[in-house]
Amino acid sequence: MTEDDAHKLLSASSTLNAGKFYGSSEGLSLGAGLIYENIRCPIFDIADRVFLTLELPVYVLTHECDVDSTNRRAFNDYLTVCPLIPLQHFLREHSAWFHGDTELRCFLAAVAERRVNRLAYLPPGPSKLASGAFLYLNKLASTHVCEFNAVKPVASVSAFGLATIDQIFANHFLRPKSDRLSFSI
């Protein structure tokens, strides 16, 4: 599947209003809703069974007050990010999971329609997000604030985008457990 075909499919299947999704990052401090490129994060290497560090595009989850450099306090030196998978990278690196274009098309449509909880589609944005990207919700990472010292965000989500992503994370992490736990009501 070509990147253009995948982009058209995702755009047609998504209920997101892409025009309202991103806003200006000008004047915003490091914190939730910002998107950066080339941020060093730990990634597990299954072949060697060790964590490596790679420079990745990321979506920042930690609230700005928890990493404010002017607010000197304990435990404000790390923040949580969600790695982004740009569409072109997804097609190049992950298409092998699927048995042909039909299965891949069905999966992409399901992600765009928000029927796949572990992955969320972000509409096209600036830079590496030109064709859209995916938030990989099961691959959250922590990195040190110093990774952001010399870089500027490539994008920020708007208030609409932030509310949308917050709802995606709430659905993913706060949905009821499938298995019945002991002492259940």
C-alpha atoms as a PDB file:
ATOM      1  CA  MET A   1       0.000   0.000   0.000  1.00  0.00           C
ATOM      2  CA  THR A   2       1.325   3.432  -0.851  1.00  0.00           C
ATOM      3  CA  GLU A   3       1.550   6.241   1.671  1.00  0.00           C
ATOM      4  CA  ASP A   4      -0.931   8.263  -0.388  1.00  0.00           C
ATOM      5  CA  ASP A   5      -3.466   5.383  -0.424  1.00  0.00           C
ATOM      6  CA  ALA A   6      -3.082   4.877   3.330  1.00  0.00           C
ATOM      7  CA  HIS A   7      -3.453   8.611   3.982  1.00  0.00           C
ATOM      8  CA  LYS A   8      -6.669   8.752   1.907  1.00  0.00           C
ATOM      9  CA  LEU A   9      -8.086   5.712   3.699  1.00  0.00           C
ATOM     10  CA  LEU A  10      -7.276   7.087   7.153  1.00  0.00           C
ATOM     11  CA  SER A  11      -8.691  10.524   6.305  1.00  0.00           C
ATOM     12  CA  ALA A  12     -11.889   9.021   4.920  1.00  0.00           C
ATOM     13  CA  SER A  13     -12.342   6.722   7.941  1.00  0.00           C
ATOM     14  CA  SER A  14     -11.451   9.209  10.674  1.00  0.00           C
ATOM     15  CA  THR A  15     -14.099  11.183  12.518  1.00  0.00           C
ATOM     16  CA  LEU A  16     -11.529  13.796  13.606  1.00  0.00           C
ATOM     17  CA  ASN A  17     -11.825  17.346  12.384  1.00  0.00           C
ATOM     18  CA  ALA A  18      -8.221  17.704  11.204  1.00  0.00           C
ATOM     19  CA  GLY A  19      -8.564  21.468  10.771  1.00  0.00           C
ATOM     20  CA  LYS A  20      -9.272  21.918  14.484  1.00  0.00           C
ATOM     21  CA  PHE A  21      -6.705  19.399  15.739  1.00  0.00           C
ATOM     22  CA  TYR A  22      -3.447  21.408  15.829  1.00  0.00           C
ATOM     23  CA  GLY A  23      -2.628  24.840  17.167  1.00  0.00           C
ATOM     24  CA  SER A  24       0.379  27.051  17.634  1.00  0.00           C
ATOM     25  CA  SER A  25       3.153  25.952  19.991  1.00  0.00           C
ATOM     26  CA  GLU A  26       4.479  29.512  20.215  1.00  0.00           C
ATOM     27  CA  GLY A  27       4.932  30.600  23.828  1.00  0.00           C
ATOM     28  CA  LEU A  28       3.973  27.222  25.316  1.00  0.00           C
ATOM     29  CA  SER A  29       6.241  25.657  27.915  1.00  0.00           C
ATOM     30  CA  LEU A  30       7.260  22.007  27.910  1.00  0.00           C
ATOM     31  CA  GLY A  31       4.196  19.958  28.774  1.00  0.00           C
ATOM     32  CA  ALA A  32       1.132  18.039  27.662  1.00  0.00           C
ATOM     33  CA  GLY A  33      -0.018  18.417  24.092  1.00  0.00           C
ATOM     34  CA  LEU A  34       3.331  19.267  22.520  1.00  0.00           C
ATOM     35  CA  ILE A  35       4.917  17.217  19.755  1.00  0.00           C
ATOM     36  CA  TYR A  36       8.670  16.985  19.343  1.00  0.00           C
ATOM     37  CA  GLU A  37      11.008  15.203  16.956  1.00  0.00           C
ATOM     38  CA  ASN A  38      14.277  13.426  17.772  1.00  0.00           C
ATOM     39  CA  ILE A  39      13.738  12.937  21.495  1.00  0.00           C
ATOM     40  CA  ARG A  40      15.847  10.165  23.017  1.00  0.00           C
ATOM     41  CA  CYS A  41      13.642   7.447  24.539  1.00  0.00           C
ATOM     42  CA  PRO A  42      14.075   3.843  25.665  1.00  0.00           C
ATOM     43  CA  ILE A  43      12.815   1.201  23.253  1.00  0.00           C
ATOM     44  CA  PHE A  44      12.949  -2.554  23.933  1.00  0.00           C
ATOM     45  CA  ASP A  45      15.013  -4.611  21.492  1.00  0.00           C
ATOM     46  CA  ILE A  46      13.281  -7.998  21.423  1.00  0.00           C
ATOM     47  CA  ALA A  47      16.198  -9.745  19.678  1.00  0.00           C
ATOM     48  CA  ASP A  48      18.754  -8.833  22.375  1.00  0.00           C
ATOM     49  CA  ARG A  49      16.186  -8.443  25.186  1.00  0.00           C
ATOM     50  CA  VAL A  50      17.584  -5.074  26.268  1.00  0.00           C
ATOM     51  CA  PHE A  51      16.427  -1.495  26.162  1.00  0.00           C
ATOM     52  CA  LEU A  52      18.088   0.752  23.607  1.00  0.00           C
ATOM     53  CA  THR A  53      17.668   4.470  23.200  1.00  0.00           C
ATOM     54  CA  LEU A  54      16.453   5.921  19.947  1.00  0.00           C
ATOM     55  CA  GLU A  55      15.584   9.428  18.856  1.00  0.00           C
ATOM     56  CA  LEU A  56      11.881   9.453  18.085  1.00  0.00           C
ATOM     57  CA  PRO A  57       9.008  11.815  17.448  1.00  0.00           C
ATOM     58  CA  VAL A  58       6.975  11.999  20.652  1.00  0.00           C
ATOM     59  CA  TYR A  59       3.779  13.402  22.109  1.00  0.00           C
ATOM     60  CA  VAL A  60       4.278  14.832  25.627  1.00  0.00           C
ATOM     61  CA  LEU A  61       1.847  13.587  28.279  1.00  0.00           C
ATOM     62  CA  THR A  62       3.234  15.119  31.477  1.00  0.00           C
ATOM     63  CA  HIS A  63       1.532  18.331  32.585  1.00  0.00           C
ATOM     64  CA  GLU A  64       3.718  21.414  32.349  1.00  0.00           C
ATOM     65  CA  CYS A  65       3.536  22.218  36.071  1.00  0.00           C
ATOM     66  CA  ASP A  66       5.158  18.853  36.843  1.00  0.00           C
ATOM     67  CA  VAL A  67       8.300  19.696  34.834  1.00  0.00           C
ATOM     68  CA  ASP A  68       8.470  23.466  35.212  1.00  0.00           C
ATOM     69  CA  SER A  69      12.159  24.360  35.571  1.00  0.00           C
ATOM     70  CA  THR A  70      11.288  27.448  37.625  1.00  0.00           C
ATOM     71  CA  ASN A  71       9.396  25.295  40.108  1.00  0.00           C
ATOM     72  CA  ARG A  72      12.358  23.581  41.823  1.00  0.00           C
ATOM     73  CA  ARG A  73      11.050  20.526  43.625  1.00  0.00           C
ATOM     74  CA  ALA A  74      11.688  16.808  43.887  1.00  0.00           C
ATOM     75  CA  PHE A  75      10.665  14.501  41.067  1.00  0.00           C
ATOM     76  CA  ASN A  76      10.185  17.085  38.329  1.00  0.00           C
ATOM     77  CA  ASP A  77      13.125  15.909  36.210  1.00  0.00           C
ATOM     78  CA  TYR A  78      11.455  13.186  34.117  1.00  0.00           C
ATOM     79  CA  LEU A  79       8.386  13.267  31.955  1.00  0.00           C
ATOM     80  CA  THR A  80       6.194  10.756  30.184  1.00  0.00           C
ATOM     81  CA  VAL A  81       5.930  10.710  26.423  1.00  0.00           C
ATOM     82  CA  CYS A  82       4.086   8.606  23.899  1.00  0.00           C
ATOM     83  CA  PRO A  83       6.160   7.664  20.869  1.00  0.00           C
ATOM     84  CA  LEU A  84       4.636   8.640  17.552  1.00  0.00           C
ATOM     85  CA  ILE A  85       4.780   6.404  14.517  1.00  0.00           C
ATOM     86  CA  PRO A  86       4.633   8.560  11.378  1.00  0.00           C
ATOM     87  CA  LEU A  87       2.491   6.952   8.670  1.00  0.00           C
ATOM     88  CA  GLN A  88       5.436   6.410   6.308  1.00  0.00           C
ATOM     89  CA  HIS A  89       7.371   4.625   9.086  1.00  0.00           C
ATOM     90  CA  PHE A  90       4.329   2.506   9.970  1.00  0.00           C
ATOM     91  CA  LEU A  91       3.963   1.345   6.370  1.00  0.00           C
ATOM     92  CA  ARG A  92       7.672   0.617   6.007  1.00  0.00           C
ATOM     93  CA  GLU A  93       8.200  -1.145   9.351  1.00  0.00           C
ATOM     94  CA  HIS A  94       4.853  -2.679  10.306  1.00  0.00           C
ATOM     95  CA  SER A  95       3.115  -3.755   7.082  1.00  0.00           C
ATOM     96  CA  ALA A  96       4.636  -7.238   7.426  1.00  0.00           C
ATOM     97  CA  TRP A  97       2.255  -7.898  10.347  1.00  0.00           C
ATOM     98  CA  PHE A  98      -0.627  -8.006   7.895  1.00  0.00           C
ATOM     99  CA  HIS A  99      -1.483 -10.641   5.296  1.00  0.00           C
ATOM    100  CA  GLY A 100      -1.942  -8.398   2.300  1.00  0.00           C
ATOM    101  CA  ASP A 101      -3.442  -5.009   1.551  1.00  0.00           C
ATOM    102  CA  THR A 102      -7.004  -6.000   2.457  1.00  0.00           C
ATOM    103  CA  GLU A 103      -6.073  -6.866   6.047  1.00  0.00           C
ATOM    104  CA  LEU A 104      -3.918  -3.731   6.319  1.00  0.00           C
ATOM    105  CA  ARG A 105      -6.755  -1.562   4.951  1.00  0.00           C
ATOM    106  CA  CYS A 106      -9.217  -3.037   7.456  1.00  0.00           C
ATOM    107  CA  PHE A 107      -6.794  -2.420  10.320  1.00  0.00           C
ATOM    108  CA  LEU A 108      -6.082   1.183   9.291  1.00  0.00           C
ATOM    109  CA  ALA A 109      -9.800   1.911   8.937  1.00  0.00           C
ATOM    110  CA  ALA A 110     -10.439   0.407  12.397  1.00  0.00           C
ATOM    111  CA  VAL A 111      -7.673   2.562  13.916  1.00  0.00           C
ATOM    112  CA  ALA A 112      -9.034   5.715  12.252  1.00  0.00           C
ATOM    113  CA  GLU A 113     -12.535   4.870  13.529  1.00  0.00           C
ATOM    114  CA  ARG A 114     -11.063   4.407  17.039  1.00  0.00           C
ATOM    115  CA  ARG A 115     -11.978   0.748  17.273  1.00  0.00           C
ATOM    116  CA  VAL A 116      -8.366  -0.279  18.104  1.00  0.00           C
ATOM    117  CA  ASN A 117      -7.555   0.800  21.655  1.00  0.00           C
ATOM    118  CA  ARG A 118      -3.779   0.394  21.601  1.00  0.00           C
ATOM    119  CA  LEU A 119      -3.161   2.726  18.659  1.00  0.00           C
ATOM    120  CA  ALA A 120      -4.624   6.139  17.890  1.00  0.00           C
ATOM    121  CA  TYR A 121      -4.507   8.012  14.601  1.00  0.00           C
ATOM    122  CA  LEU A 122      -3.435  11.649  14.560  1.00  0.00           C
ATOM    123  CA  PRO A 123      -4.407  13.584  11.430  1.00  0.00           C
ATOM    124  CA  PRO A 124      -1.803  15.184   9.154  1.00  0.00           C
ATOM    125  CA  GLY A 125       0.271  17.888  10.768  1.00  0.00           C
ATOM    126  CA  PRO A 126       3.636  19.570  10.331  1.00  0.00           C
ATOM    127  CA  SER A 127       7.006  17.981   9.579  1.00  0.00           C
ATOM    128  CA  LYS A 128       7.137  14.166   9.991  1.00  0.00           C
ATOM    129  CA  LEU A 129       3.384  14.211  10.630  1.00  0.00           C
ATOM    130  CA  ALA A 130       2.636  15.389   7.080  1.00  0.00           C
ATOM    131  CA  SER A 131       0.631  12.231   6.333  1.00  0.00           C
ATOM    132  CA  GLY A 132      -0.524  11.663   9.888  1.00  0.00           C
ATOM    133  CA  ALA A 133       0.889   9.505  12.652  1.00  0.00           C
ATOM    134  CA  PHE A 134      -0.093   6.996  15.306  1.00  0.00           C
ATOM    135  CA  LEU A 135       0.143   7.224  19.072  1.00  0.00           C
ATOM    136  CA  TYR A 136       1.288   3.817  20.332  1.00  0.00           C
ATOM    137  CA  LEU A 137      -0.532   3.794  23.665  1.00  0.00           C
ATOM    138  CA  ASN A 138       1.140   0.641  25.005  1.00  0.00           C
ATOM    139  CA  LYS A 139       4.633   2.011  24.411  1.00  0.00           C
ATOM    140  CA  LEU A 140       4.716   4.964  26.766  1.00  0.00           C
ATOM    141  CA  ALA A 141       8.202   6.021  27.797  1.00  0.00           C
ATOM    142  CA  SER A 142       9.924   8.229  30.308  1.00  0.00           C
ATOM    143  CA  THR A 143      12.765  10.543  29.441  1.00  0.00           C
ATOM    144  CA  HIS A 144      14.730  13.269  31.176  1.00  0.00           C
ATOM    145  CA  VAL A 145      13.732  16.916  30.744  1.00  0.00           C
ATOM    146  CA  CYS A 146      17.236  17.733  29.476  1.00  0.00           C
ATOM    147  CA  GLU A 147      16.246  16.041  26.190  1.00  0.00           C
ATOM    148  CA  PHE A 148      14.087  19.099  25.514  1.00  0.00           C
ATOM    149  CA  ASN A 149      16.609  21.823  26.415  1.00  0.00           C
ATOM    150  CA  ALA A 150      17.830  22.630  22.913  1.00  0.00           C
ATOM    151  CA  VAL A 151      14.772  21.739  20.845  1.00  0.00           C
ATOM    152  CA  LYS A 152      11.509  23.425  20.004  1.00  0.00           C
ATOM    153  CA  PRO A 153       8.223  21.598  19.502  1.00  0.00           C
ATOM    154  CA  VAL A 154       7.269  20.915  15.901  1.00  0.00           C
ATOM    155  CA  ALA A 155       3.585  21.165  16.795  1.00  0.00           C
ATOM    156  CA  SER A 156       1.023  21.517  19.504  1.00  0.00           C
ATOM    157  CA  VAL A 157      -2.436  20.104  19.557  1.00  0.00           C
ATOM    158  CA  SER A 158      -5.278  22.584  20.012  1.00  0.00           C
ATOM    159  CA  ALA A 159      -7.674  22.501  22.959  1.00  0.00           C
ATOM    160  CA  PHE A 160      -9.882  20.285  20.756  1.00  0.00           C
ATOM    161  CA  GLY A 161      -6.915  18.010  19.962  1.00  0.00           C
ATOM    162  CA  LEU A 162      -5.906  17.773  23.612  1.00  0.00           C
ATOM    163  CA  ALA A 163      -9.449  16.876  24.697  1.00  0.00           C
ATOM    164  CA  THR A 164      -9.608  14.240  21.944  1.00  0.00           C
ATOM    165  CA  ILE A 165      -6.286  12.666  22.940  1.00  0.00           C
ATOM    166  CA  ASP A 166      -7.160  12.823  26.649  1.00  0.00           C
ATOM    167  CA  GLN A 167     -10.351  10.896  25.867  1.00  0.00           C
ATOM    168  CA  ILE A 168      -8.381   8.311  23.861  1.00  0.00           C
ATOM    169  CA  PHE A 169      -6.064   7.737  26.838  1.00  0.00           C
ATOM    170  CA  ALA A 170      -8.986   7.606  29.274  1.00  0.00           C
ATOM    171  CA  ASN A 171     -10.713   4.985  27.114  1.00  0.00           C
ATOM    172  CA  HIS A 172      -7.515   2.975  26.886  1.00  0.00           C
ATOM    173  CA  PHE A 173      -6.425   3.044  30.504  1.00  0.00           C
ATOM    174  CA  LEU A 174      -9.692   3.368  32.403  1.00  0.00           C
ATOM    175  CA  ARG A 175     -11.914   0.868  30.616  1.00  0.00           C
ATOM    176  CA  PRO A 176     -13.297  -1.938  32.780  1.00  0.00           C
ATOM    177  CA  LYS A 177     -11.159  -5.039  33.219  1.00  0.00           C
ATOM    178  CA  SER A 178     -12.365  -8.037  31.187  1.00  0.00           C
ATOM    179  CA  ASP A 179     -11.340 -10.678  33.702  1.00  0.00           C
ATOM    180  CA  ARG A 180     -13.303 -10.952  36.894  1.00  0.00           C
ATOM    181  CA  LEU A 181     -11.166 -10.136  39.914  1.00  0.00           C
ATOM    182  CA  SER A 182     -11.550 -11.758  43.289  1.00  0.00           C
ATOM    183  CA  PHE A 183     -13.859  -9.902  45.667  1.00  0.00           C
ATOM    184  CA  SER A 184     -15.688  -8.332  42.707  1.00  0.00           C
ATOM    185  CA  ILE A 185     -19.009  -6.699  43.353  1.00  0.00           C
END
